[in-house]
């Protein structure tokens, strides 16, 4: 009997073998999962780089187009300015404003000086003039007598 394995021993051996198989299978699955994760990360990095490259390219394109459009607009403005003579018109307008400003400030200053002169003259006259005496009111009897 000792040569033959008992049923319990056979079951124990089978369970041990199953455990070993399960461990190997688990290790294999973990290894595969790790490689899948690494592949996914690698692909995500590639995709991210591609998107960033496209974004940089689009940004550069837009900058070039904006710069070209600004150049065109500037060129058109210069052409219009030459045709209309804006600079000379601006110069003349500035000169006119300046002259008008001088004239108005001159008038204002003269008015201030004139007002100051008038004030001084009034003060002089007020000092020299004697104080006016007010006549006292006549009593009611005298006023009534005068009316008759």
Protein backbone atom coordinates (compact mmCIF):
# COMPACT_ATOMS: atom_id res chain seq x y z
CA UNK A 1 0.00 0.00 0.00
CA UNK A 2 2.81 2.30 0.63
CA UNK A 3 3.84 1.96 -3.01
CA UNK A 4 0.53 3.13 -4.26
CA UNK A 5 -0.38 6.75 -3.80
CA UNK A 6 -3.48 7.41 -1.93
CA UNK A 7 -6.29 9.41 -3.44
CA UNK A 8 -5.56 12.34 -1.18
CA UNK A 9 -1.93 12.44 -2.26
CA UNK A 10 -2.95 12.33 -5.88
CA UNK A 11 -5.37 15.19 -5.30
CA UNK A 12 -2.64 17.16 -3.47
CA UNK A 13 -0.20 16.60 -6.35
CA UNK A 14 -2.83 17.69 -8.87
CA UNK A 15 -3.56 20.86 -6.85
CA UNK A 16 0.19 21.65 -6.63
CA UNK A 17 0.60 21.14 -10.38
CA UNK A 18 -2.44 23.38 -10.99
CA UNK A 19 -0.91 26.04 -8.72
CA UNK A 20 2.35 25.91 -10.63
CA UNK A 21 0.49 26.19 -13.94
CA UNK A 22 -1.58 29.09 -12.62
CA UNK A 23 1.55 30.89 -11.45
CA UNK A 24 3.22 30.41 -14.81
CA UNK A 25 0.07 31.55 -16.58
CA UNK A 26 -0.24 34.59 -14.28
CA UNK A 27 3.39 35.52 -14.85
CA UNK A 28 2.90 35.14 -18.57
CA UNK A 29 -0.24 37.30 -18.50
CA UNK A 30 1.52 39.94 -16.40
CA UNK A 31 4.42 39.97 -18.82
CA UNK A 32 2.07 40.33 -21.78
CA UNK A 33 0.11 43.07 -20.01
CA UNK A 34 3.36 44.93 -19.30
CA UNK A 35 4.40 44.74 -22.94
CA UNK A 36 0.92 45.87 -24.04
CA UNK A 37 1.12 48.83 -21.66
CA UNK A 38 4.59 49.75 -22.94
CA UNK A 39 3.39 49.50 -26.56
CA UNK A 40 0.38 51.68 -25.75
CA UNK A 41 2.58 54.30 -24.07
CA UNK A 42 4.94 54.26 -27.05
CA UNK A 43 2.05 54.73 -29.52
CA UNK A 44 0.55 57.51 -27.40
CA UNK A 45 3.92 59.30 -27.37
CA UNK A 46 4.18 58.98 -31.14
CA UNK A 47 0.66 60.35 -31.58
CA UNK A 48 1.37 63.23 -29.19
CA UNK A 49 4.54 64.10 -31.09
CA UNK A 50 2.68 64.02 -34.40
CA UNK A 51 -0.04 66.33 -33.06
CA UNK A 52 2.55 68.75 -31.66
CA UNK A 53 4.38 68.78 -34.98
CA UNK A 54 1.14 69.55 -36.86
CA UNK A 55 0.33 72.34 -34.38
CA UNK A 56 3.77 73.93 -34.81
CA UNK A 57 3.42 73.68 -38.57
CA UNK A 58 -0.03 75.30 -38.51
CA UNK A 59 1.20 78.07 -36.21
CA UNK A 60 4.12 78.86 -38.49
CA UNK A 61 1.83 78.88 -41.52
CA UNK A 62 -0.57 81.29 -39.83
CA UNK A 63 2.32 83.58 -38.83
CA UNK A 64 3.57 83.68 -42.41
CA UNK A 65 0.09 84.41 -43.75
CA UNK A 66 -0.51 87.14 -41.16
CA UNK A 67 2.82 88.77 -41.92
CA UNK A 68 2.09 88.69 -45.65
CA UNK A 69 -1.37 90.20 -45.11
CA UNK A 70 0.09 92.95 -42.92
CA UNK A 71 2.65 93.71 -45.63
CA UNK A 72 -0.08 93.93 -48.24
CA UNK A 73 -2.15 96.25 -46.06
CA UNK A 74 0.85 98.47 -45.39
CA UNK A 75 1.63 98.62 -49.09
CA UNK A 76 -1.97 99.58 -49.89
CA UNK A 77 -1.92 102.32 -47.21
CA UNK A 78 1.29 103.79 -48.63
CA UNK A 79 -0.29 103.80 -52.08
CA UNK A 80 -3.39 105.61 -50.78
CA UNK A 81 -1.25 108.11 -48.89
CA UNK A 82 0.71 108.90 -52.04
CA UNK A 83 -2.46 109.38 -54.01
CA UNK A 84 -4.21 111.60 -51.45
CA UNK A 85 -1.21 113.41 -50.04
CA UNK A 86 -2.12 112.67 -46.46
CA UNK A 87 1.18 113.86 -45.04
CA UNK A 88 0.85 117.34 -46.40
CA UNK A 89 -2.78 117.48 -45.31
CA UNK A 90 -1.76 116.38 -41.80
CA UNK A 91 1.01 118.99 -41.70
CA UNK A 92 -1.36 121.73 -42.74
CA UNK A 93 -3.98 120.61 -40.23
CA UNK A 94 -1.34 120.58 -37.48
CA UNK A 95 -0.13 124.06 -38.41
CA UNK A 96 -3.72 125.35 -38.40
CA UNK A 97 -4.37 123.81 -34.97
CA UNK A 98 -1.19 125.32 -33.62
CA UNK A 99 -2.06 128.76 -34.96
CA UNK A 100 -5.60 128.55 -33.60
CA UNK A 101 -4.24 127.53 -30.22
CA UNK A 102 -1.87 130.47 -30.14
CA UNK A 103 -4.63 132.90 -31.07
CA UNK A 104 -7.02 131.59 -28.45
CA UNK A 105 -4.37 131.55 -25.74
CA UNK A 106 -3.41 135.11 -26.69
CA UNK A 107 -6.99 136.25 -26.39
CA UNK A 108 -7.43 134.50 -23.06
CA UNK A 109 -4.23 136.03 -21.67
CA UNK A 110 -5.23 139.49 -22.84
CA UNK A 111 -8.65 139.10 -21.24
CA UNK A 112 -7.03 138.11 -17.95
CA UNK A 113 -4.66 141.09 -18.09
CA UNK A 114 -7.56 143.43 -18.90
CA UNK A 115 -9.63 142.08 -16.02
CA UNK A 116 -6.70 142.56 -13.65
CA UNK A 117 -6.24 146.16 -14.81
CA UNK A 118 -9.92 146.91 -14.29
CA UNK A 119 -9.79 145.43 -10.77
CA UNK A 120 -6.78 147.57 -9.87
CA UNK A 121 -8.43 150.71 -11.21
CA UNK A 122 -11.63 150.05 -9.26
CA UNK A 123 -9.62 149.54 -6.07
CA UNK A 124 -7.78 152.86 -6.61
CA UNK A 125 -11.00 154.75 -7.17
CA UNK A 126 -12.60 153.12 -4.16
CA UNK A 127 -9.67 154.18 -1.96
CA UNK A 128 -9.71 157.79 -3.16
CA UNK A 129 -13.47 158.33 -3.09
CA UNK A 130 -14.82 159.53 0.27
CA UNK A 131 -17.33 157.34 1.93
CA UNK A 132 -20.85 158.50 1.06
CA UNK A 133 -22.96 159.47 3.94
CA UNK A 134 -26.48 158.30 3.93
CA UNK A 135 -29.14 160.80 4.68
CA UNK A 136 -31.06 159.99 7.79
CA UNK A 137 -34.68 159.15 7.29
CA UNK A 138 -36.97 162.04 8.01
CA UNK A 139 -39.49 161.49 10.72
CA UNK A 140 -43.02 160.61 9.58
CA UNK A 141 -44.38 164.02 10.62
CA UNK A 142 -42.01 165.91 8.32
CA UNK A 143 -42.74 163.61 5.41
CA UNK A 144 -46.47 164.08 5.85
CA UNK A 145 -46.05 167.86 6.06
CA UNK A 146 -44.06 167.93 2.87
CA UNK A 147 -46.76 166.06 0.92
CA UNK A 148 -49.46 168.64 1.79
